[in-house]
Amino acid sequence: MTVMLRKIRLDAGLSVPALSRLSGVPVRTIEDIERKGDCRVSTAIRLADALQVTLDKLCRQEDKP
């Protein structure tokens, strides 16, 4: 989830604080998820909704070539 969250967030042109405001997930939590990759399902759902992507897209590893 680490790579995909950061990639999707940056592709959407959002900073961590902006995503925090949209999702209601604390900045520190988003930073931890981007660093470590693990989070609660409820948090992932809030982030996916804020980013307007499916939970599947958010949680999958980046596509392999």
PDB file of N, CA and C in Angstrom:
ATOM      1  N   MET A   1       0.821  -1.192   0.000  1.00  0.00           N
ATOM      2  CA  MET A   1       0.000   0.000   0.000  1.00  0.00           C
ATOM      3  C   MET A   1       0.866   1.256   0.000  1.00  0.00           C
ATOM      4  N   THR A   2       2.072   1.140   0.502  1.00  0.00           N
ATOM      5  CA  THR A   2       2.962   2.294   0.602  1.00  0.00           C
ATOM      6  C   THR A   2       3.136   3.002  -0.727  1.00  0.00           C
ATOM      7  N   VAL A   3       3.537   2.262  -1.746  1.00  0.00           N
ATOM      8  CA  VAL A   3       3.820   2.849  -3.049  1.00  0.00           C
ATOM      9  C   VAL A   3       2.551   3.396  -3.688  1.00  0.00           C
ATOM     10  N   MET A   4       1.478   2.627  -3.611  1.00  0.00           N
ATOM     11  CA  MET A   4       0.253   3.046  -4.289  1.00  0.00           C
ATOM     12  C   MET A   4      -0.366   4.276  -3.640  1.00  0.00           C
ATOM     13  N   LEU A   5      -0.397   4.348  -2.329  1.00  0.00           N
ATOM     14  CA  LEU A   5      -0.983   5.517  -1.669  1.00  0.00           C
ATOM     15  C   LEU A   5      -0.228   6.770  -2.078  1.00  0.00           C
ATOM     16  N   ARG A   6       1.073   6.730  -1.986  1.00  0.00           N
ATOM     17  CA  ARG A   6       1.885   7.902  -2.341  1.00  0.00           C
ATOM     18  C   ARG A   6       1.690   8.266  -3.819  1.00  0.00           C
ATOM     19  N   LYS A   7       1.711   7.250  -4.696  1.00  0.00           N
ATOM     20  CA  LYS A   7       1.565   7.502  -6.136  1.00  0.00           C
ATOM     21  C   LYS A   7       0.195   8.105  -6.450  1.00  0.00           C
ATOM     22  N   ILE A   8      -0.856   7.512  -5.918  1.00  0.00           N
ATOM     23  CA  ILE A   8      -2.208   8.005  -6.182  1.00  0.00           C
ATOM     24  C   ILE A   8      -2.374   9.414  -5.623  1.00  0.00           C
ATOM     25  N   ARG A   9      -1.854   9.638  -4.418  1.00  0.00           N
ATOM     26  CA  ARG A   9      -1.939  10.970  -3.805  1.00  0.00           C
ATOM     27  C   ARG A   9      -1.223  12.017  -4.649  1.00  0.00           C
ATOM     28  N   LEU A  10      -0.018  11.694  -5.098  1.00  0.00           N
ATOM     29  CA  LEU A  10       0.744  12.643  -5.906  1.00  0.00           C
ATOM     30  C   LEU A  10       0.107  12.844  -7.279  1.00  0.00           C
ATOM     31  N   ASP A  11      -0.403  11.770  -7.877  1.00  0.00           N
ATOM     32  CA  ASP A  11      -1.094  11.890  -9.168  1.00  0.00           C
ATOM     33  C   ASP A  11      -2.325  12.786  -9.059  1.00  0.00           C
ATOM     34  N   ALA A  12      -2.953  12.786  -7.883  1.00  0.00           N
ATOM     35  CA  ALA A  12      -4.122  13.634  -7.652  1.00  0.00           C
ATOM     36  C   ALA A  12      -3.724  15.065  -7.292  1.00  0.00           C
ATOM     37  N   GLY A  13      -2.417  15.297  -7.171  1.00  0.00           N
ATOM     38  CA  GLY A  13      -1.931  16.633  -6.847  1.00  0.00           C
ATOM     39  C   GLY A  13      -2.195  17.035  -5.403  1.00  0.00           C
ATOM     40  N   LEU A  14      -2.228  16.055  -4.523  1.00  0.00           N
ATOM     41  CA  LEU A  14      -2.533  16.328  -3.120  1.00  0.00           C
ATOM     42  C   LEU A  14      -1.305  16.188  -2.228  1.00  0.00           C
ATOM     43  N   SER A  15      -1.178  17.099  -1.301  1.00  0.00           N
ATOM     44  CA  SER A  15      -0.166  16.975  -0.259  1.00  0.00           C
ATOM     45  C   SER A  15      -0.738  16.075   0.836  1.00  0.00           C
ATOM     46  N   VAL A  16       0.103  15.663   1.747  1.00  0.00           N
ATOM     47  CA  VAL A  16      -0.385  14.860   2.871  1.00  0.00           C
ATOM     48  C   VAL A  16      -1.412  15.649   3.686  1.00  0.00           C
ATOM     49  N   PRO A  17      -1.145  16.930   4.019  1.00  0.00           N
ATOM     50  CA  PRO A  17      -2.170  17.680   4.769  1.00  0.00           C
ATOM     51  C   PRO A  17      -3.497  17.818   4.009  1.00  0.00           C
ATOM     52  N   ALA A  18      -3.440  17.973   2.694  1.00  0.00           N
ATOM     53  CA  ALA A  18      -4.674  18.086   1.912  1.00  0.00           C
ATOM     54  C   ALA A  18      -5.452  16.776   1.946  1.00  0.00           C
ATOM     55  N   LEU A  19      -4.762  15.651   1.819  1.00  0.00           N
ATOM     56  CA  LEU A  19      -5.431  14.349   1.896  1.00  0.00           C
ATOM     57  C   LEU A  19      -6.009  14.133   3.288  1.00  0.00           C
ATOM     58  N   SER A  20      -5.303  14.592   4.287  1.00  0.00           N
ATOM     59  CA  SER A  20      -5.793  14.498   5.652  1.00  0.00           C
ATOM     60  C   SER A  20      -7.112  15.254   5.812  1.00  0.00           C
ATOM     61  N   ARG A  21      -7.177  16.450   5.277  1.00  0.00           N
ATOM     62  CA  ARG A  21      -8.411  17.242   5.354  1.00  0.00           C
ATOM     63  C   ARG A  21      -9.560  16.555   4.616  1.00  0.00           C
ATOM     64  N   LEU A  22      -9.268  16.001   3.444  1.00  0.00           N
ATOM     65  CA  LEU A  22     -10.313  15.335   2.651  1.00  0.00           C
ATOM     66  C   LEU A  22     -10.818  14.049   3.287  1.00  0.00           C
ATOM     67  N   SER A  23      -9.919  13.316   3.897  1.00  0.00           N
ATOM     68  CA  SER A  23     -10.260  11.981   4.397  1.00  0.00           C
ATOM     69  C   SER A  23     -10.613  11.945   5.881  1.00  0.00           C
ATOM     70  N   GLY A  24     -10.138  12.937   6.625  1.00  0.00           N
ATOM     71  CA  GLY A  24     -10.322  12.896   8.065  1.00  0.00           C
ATOM     72  C   GLY A  24      -9.311  12.008   8.766  1.00  0.00           C
ATOM     73  N   VAL A  25      -8.317  11.537   8.025  1.00  0.00           N
ATOM     74  CA  VAL A  25      -7.249  10.710   8.585  1.00  0.00           C
ATOM     75  C   VAL A  25      -6.111  11.650   9.001  1.00  0.00           C
ATOM     76  N   PRO A  26      -5.610  11.525  10.228  1.00  0.00           N
ATOM     77  CA  PRO A  26      -4.543  12.421  10.675  1.00  0.00           C
ATOM     78  C   PRO A  26      -3.295  12.367   9.788  1.00  0.00           C
ATOM     79  N   VAL A  27      -2.626  13.505   9.664  1.00  0.00           N
ATOM     80  CA  VAL A  27      -1.401  13.612   8.860  1.00  0.00           C
ATOM     81  C   VAL A  27      -0.400  12.539   9.281  1.00  0.00           C
ATOM     82  N   ARG A  28      -0.187  12.404  10.561  1.00  0.00           N
ATOM     83  CA  ARG A  28       0.794  11.438  11.073  1.00  0.00           C
ATOM     84  C   ARG A  28       0.449  10.012  10.631  1.00  0.00           C
ATOM     85  N   THR A  29      -0.823   9.683  10.625  1.00  0.00           N
ATOM     86  CA  THR A  29      -1.258   8.350  10.206  1.00  0.00           C
ATOM     87  C   THR A  29      -0.951   8.125   8.731  1.00  0.00           C
ATOM     88  N   ILE A  30      -1.232   9.118   7.900  1.00  0.00           N
ATOM     89  CA  ILE A  30      -0.940   9.003   6.465  1.00  0.00           C
ATOM     90  C   ILE A  30       0.562   8.846   6.258  1.00  0.00           C
ATOM     91  N   GLU A  31       1.355   9.637   6.961  1.00  0.00           N
ATOM     92  CA  GLU A  31       2.813   9.525   6.849  1.00  0.00           C
ATOM     93  C   GLU A  31       3.283   8.136   7.259  1.00  0.00           C
ATOM     94  N   ASP A  32       2.723   7.609   8.338  1.00  0.00           N
ATOM     95  CA  ASP A  32       3.092   6.261   8.793  1.00  0.00           C
ATOM     96  C   ASP A  32       2.708   5.197   7.769  1.00  0.00           C
ATOM     97  N   ILE A  33       1.529   5.339   7.171  1.00  0.00           N
ATOM     98  CA  ILE A  33       1.094   4.375   6.154  1.00  0.00           C
ATOM     99  C   ILE A  33       2.023   4.431   4.957  1.00  0.00           C
ATOM    100  N   GLU A  34       2.384   5.634   4.518  1.00  0.00           N
ATOM    101  CA  GLU A  34       3.282   5.754   3.367  1.00  0.00           C
ATOM    102  C   GLU A  34       4.670   5.218   3.687  1.00  0.00           C
ATOM    103  N   ARG A  35       5.071   5.265   4.937  1.00  0.00           N
ATOM    104  CA  ARG A  35       6.388   4.772   5.335  1.00  0.00           C
ATOM    105  C   ARG A  35       6.371   3.260   5.557  1.00  0.00           C
ATOM    106  N   LYS A  36       5.355   2.766   6.273  1.00  0.00           N
ATOM    107  CA  LYS A  36       5.320   1.355   6.689  1.00  0.00           C
ATOM    108  C   LYS A  36       4.420   0.476   5.833  1.00  0.00           C
ATOM    109  N   GLY A  37       3.359   1.059   5.285  1.00  0.00           N
ATOM    110  CA  GLY A  37       2.485   0.312   4.397  1.00  0.00           C
ATOM    111  C   GLY A  37       1.289  -0.370   5.029  1.00  0.00           C
ATOM    112  N   ASP A  38       1.204  -0.397   6.350  1.00  0.00           N
ATOM    113  CA  ASP A  38       0.100  -1.084   7.005  1.00  0.00           C
ATOM    114  C   ASP A  38      -0.895  -0.085   7.575  1.00  0.00           C
ATOM    115  N   CYS A  39      -2.180  -0.459   7.506  1.00  0.00           N
ATOM    116  CA  CYS A  39      -3.194   0.371   8.149  1.00  0.00           C
ATOM    117  C   CYS A  39      -4.457  -0.451   8.369  1.00  0.00           C
ATOM    118  N   ARG A  40      -5.355   0.103   9.138  1.00  0.00           N
ATOM    119  CA  ARG A  40      -6.646  -0.539   9.376  1.00  0.00           C
ATOM    120  C   ARG A  40      -7.490  -0.455   8.113  1.00  0.00           C
ATOM    121  N   VAL A  41      -8.372  -1.397   7.962  1.00  0.00           N
ATOM    122  CA  VAL A  41      -9.270  -1.405   6.807  1.00  0.00           C
ATOM    123  C   VAL A  41     -10.123  -0.136   6.801  1.00  0.00           C
ATOM    124  N   SER A  42     -10.607   0.270   7.959  1.00  0.00           N
ATOM    125  CA  SER A  42     -11.452   1.468   8.038  1.00  0.00           C
ATOM    126  C   SER A  42     -10.692   2.713   7.577  1.00  0.00           C
ATOM    127  N   THR A  43      -9.412   2.788   7.876  1.00  0.00           N
ATOM    128  CA  THR A  43      -8.587   3.910   7.429  1.00  0.00           C
ATOM    129  C   THR A  43      -8.383   3.853   5.926  1.00  0.00           C
ATOM    130  N   ALA A  44      -8.116   2.665   5.409  1.00  0.00           N
ATOM    131  CA  ALA A  44      -7.923   2.497   3.968  1.00  0.00           C
ATOM    132  C   ALA A  44      -9.189   2.896   3.203  1.00  0.00           C
ATOM    133  N   ILE A  45     -10.348   2.561   3.740  1.00  0.00           N
ATOM    134  CA  ILE A  45     -11.609   2.927   3.093  1.00  0.00           C
ATOM    135  C   ILE A  45     -11.756   4.442   3.046  1.00  0.00           C
ATOM    136  N   ARG A  46     -11.445   5.111   4.138  1.00  0.00           N
ATOM    137  CA  ARG A  46     -11.542   6.577   4.170  1.00  0.00           C
ATOM    138  C   ARG A  46     -10.587   7.217   3.157  1.00  0.00           C
ATOM    139  N   LEU A  47      -9.379   6.670   3.051  1.00  0.00           N
ATOM    140  CA  LEU A  47      -8.411   7.207   2.089  1.00  0.00           C
ATOM    141  C   LEU A  47      -8.861   6.939   0.654  1.00  0.00           C
ATOM    142  N   ALA A  48      -9.340   5.732   0.388  1.00  0.00           N
ATOM    143  CA  ALA A  48      -9.814   5.390  -0.958  1.00  0.00           C
ATOM    144  C   ALA A  48     -10.975   6.288  -1.362  1.00  0.00           C
ATOM    145  N   ASP A  49     -11.904   6.509  -0.446  1.00  0.00           N
ATOM    146  CA  ASP A  49     -13.039   7.390  -0.741  1.00  0.00           C
ATOM    147  C   ASP A  49     -12.569   8.809  -1.043  1.00  0.00           C
ATOM    148  N   ALA A  50     -11.641   9.313  -0.244  1.00  0.00           N
ATOM    149  CA  ALA A  50     -11.137  10.672  -0.444  1.00  0.00           C
ATOM    150  C   ALA A  50     -10.391  10.806  -1.772  1.00  0.00           C
ATOM    151  N   LEU A  51      -9.692   9.745  -2.157  1.00  0.00           N
ATOM    152  CA  LEU A  51      -8.918   9.760  -3.407  1.00  0.00           C
ATOM    153  C   LEU A  51      -9.761   9.344  -4.615  1.00  0.00           C
ATOM    154  N   GLN A  52     -10.992   8.940  -4.368  1.00  0.00           N
ATOM    155  CA  GLN A  52     -11.922   8.494  -5.401  1.00  0.00           C
ATOM    156  C   GLN A  52     -11.352   7.336  -6.222  1.00  0.00           C
ATOM    157  N   VAL A  53     -10.815   6.359  -5.486  1.00  0.00           N
ATOM    158  CA  VAL A  53     -10.322   5.127  -6.107  1.00  0.00           C
ATOM    159  C   VAL A  53     -10.926   3.954  -5.346  1.00  0.00           C
ATOM    160  N   THR A  54     -10.867   2.782  -5.943  1.00  0.00           N
ATOM    161  CA  THR A  54     -11.356   1.595  -5.253  1.00  0.00           C
ATOM    162  C   THR A  54     -10.354   1.186  -4.182  1.00  0.00           C
ATOM    163  N   LEU A  55     -10.857   0.493  -3.199  1.00  0.00           N
ATOM    164  CA  LEU A  55      -9.991  -0.034  -2.154  1.00  0.00           C
ATOM    165  C   LEU A  55      -8.990  -1.006  -2.759  1.00  0.00           C
ATOM    166  N   ASP A  56      -9.435  -1.757  -3.743  1.00  0.00           N
ATOM    167  CA  ASP A  56      -8.553  -2.697  -4.426  1.00  0.00           C
ATOM    168  C   ASP A  56      -7.365  -1.979  -5.064  1.00  0.00           C
ATOM    169  N   LYS A  57      -7.635  -0.877  -5.751  1.00  0.00           N
ATOM    170  CA  LYS A  57      -6.557  -0.134  -6.398  1.00  0.00           C
ATOM    171  C   LYS A  57      -5.590   0.444  -5.364  1.00  0.00           C
ATOM    172  N   LEU A  58      -6.123   0.940  -4.275  1.00  0.00           N
ATOM    173  CA  LEU A  58      -5.289   1.539  -3.242  1.00  0.00           C
ATOM    174  C   LEU A  58      -4.390   0.508  -2.570  1.00  0.00           C
ATOM    175  N   CYS A  59      -4.896  -0.685  -2.369  1.00  0.00           N
ATOM    176  CA  CYS A  59      -4.178  -1.687  -1.581  1.00  0.00           C
ATOM    177  C   CYS A  59      -3.284  -2.624  -2.383  1.00  0.00           C
ATOM    178  N   ARG A  60      -3.468  -2.683  -3.665  1.00  0.00           N
ATOM    179  CA  ARG A  60      -2.644  -3.582  -4.475  1.00  0.00           C
ATOM    180  C   ARG A  60      -1.245  -3.027  -4.673  1.00  0.00           C
ATOM    181  N   GLN A  61      -0.319  -3.957  -4.861  1.00  0.00           N
ATOM    182  CA  GLN A  61       1.040  -3.552  -5.205  1.00  0.00           C
ATOM    183  C   GLN A  61       1.034  -2.974  -6.607  1.00  0.00           C
ATOM    184  N   GLU A  62       1.994  -2.127  -6.897  1.00  0.00           N
ATOM    185  CA  GLU A  62       2.084  -1.536  -8.228  1.00  0.00           C
ATOM    186  C   GLU A  62       2.194  -2.641  -9.265  1.00  0.00           C
ATOM    187  N   ASP A  63       1.520  -2.431 -10.405  1.00  0.00           N
ATOM    188  CA  ASP A  63       1.538  -3.449 -11.476  1.00  0.00           C
ATOM    189  C   ASP A  63       2.961  -3.758 -11.897  1.00  0.00           C
ATOM    190  N   LYS A  64       3.215  -5.050 -12.100  1.00  0.00           N
ATOM    191  CA  LYS A  64       4.534  -5.475 -12.565  1.00  0.00           C
ATOM    192  C   LYS A  64       4.554  -5.429 -14.086  1.00  0.00           C
ATOM    193  N   PRO A  65       5.692  -5.098 -14.679  1.00  0.00           N
ATOM    194  CA  PRO A  65       5.770  -5.032 -16.157  1.00  0.00           C
ATOM    195  C   PRO A  65       5.570  -6.373 -16.811  1.00  0.00           C
TER     196      PRO A  65
END
